[in-house]
Amino acid sequence: MDYKSEKKEMMEVFYLRSKQHGLKITPQRTAIYQELLKAKDHPSADNIYRKLAKKIPNISFDTVNRTLLTFSQIGVAHIVEGYGQPKRYDPDLKAHHHFRCTQCNRIVDFNNKAYDNISVPKDIKKQFTVFNKKVVLEGLCDRCKKKL
């Protein structure tokens, strides 16, 4: 699937899930989601707010932050924990994993079938209901390694 078709499909999922959860599809929500889709770097609420404030001067940081949290609750975005930094968001709902650079905090998506198929330990299955499995690898990215 090409980039344009993928983004169109993701917008359709956004509209559908918003309606299913009784959310009005406002211009602000649409703009926030479109900005999230454009980003390749797992942006924080602040990153998205700064970009949108140039186009929509009366949008508030609180609106952007609450909207992104809502997006994660209705299943159109995932929260990529900030590891002590602000939460970061990912609109890619397909199975994938992350590499996080411990130096610059860059987060990169990657796919790996073996990681997709990791089995949940029995004690965890007994105690908890697991909805999702993700692997996060940490280390130095190519850019930070070059600086050493």
Protein backbone atom coordinates (compact mmCIF):
# COMPACT_ATOMS: atom_id res chain seq x y z
CA MET A 1 0.00 0.00 0.00
CA ASP A 2 1.39 3.41 -0.91
CA TYR A 3 1.79 6.29 1.55
CA LYS A 4 -1.24 8.25 0.29
CA SER A 5 -3.57 5.22 0.47
CA GLU A 6 -2.29 4.33 3.92
CA LYS A 7 -2.93 7.85 5.24
CA LYS A 8 -6.42 7.85 3.68
CA GLU A 9 -7.18 4.51 5.36
CA MET A 10 -5.92 5.84 8.71
CA MET A 11 -8.16 8.91 8.39
CA GLU A 12 -11.13 6.60 7.72
CA VAL A 13 -10.30 4.64 10.89
CA PHE A 14 -10.06 7.98 12.76
CA TYR A 15 -13.54 9.04 11.57
CA LEU A 16 -15.06 5.62 12.29
CA ARG A 17 -13.61 5.24 15.80
CA SER A 18 -14.50 8.84 16.68
CA LYS A 19 -18.12 8.19 15.71
CA GLN A 20 -18.15 4.83 17.56
CA HIS A 21 -17.00 6.60 20.74
CA GLY A 22 -19.40 9.52 20.38
CA LEU A 23 -16.66 12.06 19.63
CA LYS A 24 -17.53 14.99 17.43
CA ILE A 25 -15.17 15.31 14.49
CA THR A 26 -14.10 18.90 15.04
CA PRO A 27 -11.65 20.86 12.90
CA GLN A 28 -9.21 20.89 15.85
CA ARG A 29 -9.34 17.11 16.37
CA THR A 30 -8.94 16.54 12.64
CA ALA A 31 -5.98 18.93 12.46
CA ILE A 32 -4.30 17.27 15.46
CA TYR A 33 -4.73 13.81 13.95
CA GLN A 34 -3.48 14.95 10.53
CA GLU A 35 -0.41 16.51 12.16
CA LEU A 36 0.22 13.26 14.04
CA LEU A 37 0.00 11.32 10.77
CA LYS A 38 2.56 13.63 9.11
CA ALA A 39 5.10 13.13 11.89
CA LYS A 40 7.70 10.40 11.55
CA ASP A 41 9.35 10.94 14.93
CA HIS A 42 6.70 9.88 17.47
CA PRO A 43 5.94 13.47 18.50
CA SER A 44 5.00 14.72 21.94
CA ALA A 45 1.92 16.87 22.56
CA ASP A 46 4.24 19.89 22.69
CA ASN A 47 5.72 19.10 19.25
CA ILE A 48 2.26 18.88 17.72
CA TYR A 49 1.06 21.99 19.55
CA ARG A 50 3.99 24.07 18.26
CA LYS A 51 3.28 23.05 14.66
CA LEU A 52 -0.46 23.62 14.93
CA ALA A 53 -0.22 26.95 16.78
CA LYS A 54 1.27 28.44 13.60
CA LYS A 55 -1.83 27.40 11.60
CA ILE A 56 -4.49 27.63 14.34
CA PRO A 57 -3.38 30.48 16.67
CA ASN A 58 -6.24 30.00 19.16
CA ILE A 59 -5.57 26.28 19.80
CA SER A 60 -4.32 25.58 23.31
CA PHE A 61 -1.69 23.14 24.50
CA ASP A 62 -4.30 21.61 26.83
CA THR A 63 -6.59 20.89 23.86
CA VAL A 64 -3.78 19.16 21.98
CA ASN A 65 -2.67 17.18 25.03
CA ARG A 66 -6.18 16.02 26.01
CA THR A 67 -7.02 15.20 22.39
CA LEU A 68 -3.93 13.01 21.98
CA LEU A 69 -4.79 11.16 25.19
CA THR A 70 -8.32 10.66 23.85
CA PHE A 71 -6.88 9.33 20.58
CA SER A 72 -4.97 6.70 22.56
CA GLN A 73 -8.14 5.76 24.49
CA ILE A 74 -10.23 5.24 21.34
CA GLY A 75 -7.46 3.32 19.59
CA VAL A 76 -6.31 5.63 16.80
CA ALA A 77 -2.88 6.25 18.33
CA HIS A 78 -0.56 4.55 20.77
CA ILE A 79 1.34 6.21 23.57
CA VAL A 80 5.04 5.54 23.35
CA GLU A 81 6.17 6.12 26.91
CA GLY A 82 8.57 8.99 27.32
CA TYR A 83 10.96 7.22 29.72
CA GLY A 84 11.05 10.24 32.03
CA GLN A 85 10.39 12.58 29.11
CA PRO A 86 6.94 13.72 27.89
CA LYS A 87 4.69 11.03 26.39
CA ARG A 88 5.17 10.51 22.67
CA TYR A 89 2.50 9.35 20.24
CA ASP A 90 2.42 6.89 17.36
CA PRO A 91 -0.47 6.68 14.87
CA ASP A 92 0.83 3.40 13.40
CA LEU A 93 -1.55 0.75 14.73
CA LYS A 94 0.06 -2.19 12.91
CA ALA A 95 2.25 -4.55 14.93
CA HIS A 96 5.74 -3.09 15.24
CA HIS A 97 8.42 -2.40 17.82
CA HIS A 98 10.65 0.50 18.79
CA PHE A 99 14.32 1.29 19.14
CA ARG A 100 14.99 4.23 21.49
CA CYS A 101 18.29 6.05 21.55
CA THR A 102 19.28 6.65 25.17
CA GLN A 103 21.39 9.65 24.10
CA CYS A 104 19.03 11.74 21.94
CA ASN A 105 15.69 9.98 22.71
CA ARG A 106 15.02 9.33 19.03
CA ILE A 107 12.46 6.55 18.56
CA VAL A 108 12.58 4.39 15.43
CA ASP A 109 9.99 1.82 14.35
CA PHE A 110 11.05 -1.64 13.26
CA ASN A 111 9.37 -4.93 12.40
CA ASN A 112 10.45 -8.36 13.55
CA LYS A 113 8.30 -11.50 13.25
CA ALA A 114 10.09 -13.24 16.13
CA TYR A 115 9.27 -10.33 18.46
CA ASP A 116 5.67 -10.30 17.20
CA ASN A 117 5.38 -13.94 18.28
CA ILE A 118 6.86 -13.66 21.77
CA SER A 119 4.72 -15.71 24.11
CA VAL A 120 3.40 -14.21 27.32
CA PRO A 121 4.75 -16.01 30.42
CA LYS A 122 2.19 -18.24 32.16
CA ASP A 123 2.36 -16.37 35.50
CA ILE A 124 1.60 -13.11 33.69
CA LYS A 125 -1.31 -14.73 31.80
CA LYS A 126 -2.76 -15.99 35.10
CA GLN A 127 -2.50 -12.62 36.83
CA PHE A 128 -3.20 -10.17 34.01
CA THR A 129 -5.05 -9.70 30.77
CA VAL A 130 -2.51 -8.76 28.09
CA PHE A 131 -3.84 -6.63 25.22
CA ASN A 132 -0.65 -5.79 23.43
CA LYS A 133 2.98 -6.87 23.18
CA LYS A 134 5.77 -4.51 22.16
CA VAL A 135 9.51 -4.80 22.32
CA VAL A 136 11.59 -1.69 23.00
CA LEU A 137 15.29 -1.92 22.32
CA GLU A 138 17.53 0.77 23.78
CA GLY A 139 21.00 1.85 22.81
CA LEU A 140 22.77 4.44 20.67
CA CYS A 141 21.36 5.40 17.28
CA ASP A 142 23.58 5.73 14.21
CA ARG A 143 23.77 9.53 14.60
CA CYS A 144 24.87 9.40 18.24
CA LYS A 145 27.38 6.58 17.56
CA LYS A 146 29.09 8.79 14.97
CA LYS A 147 29.54 11.54 17.58
CA LEU A 148 31.58 9.26 19.85
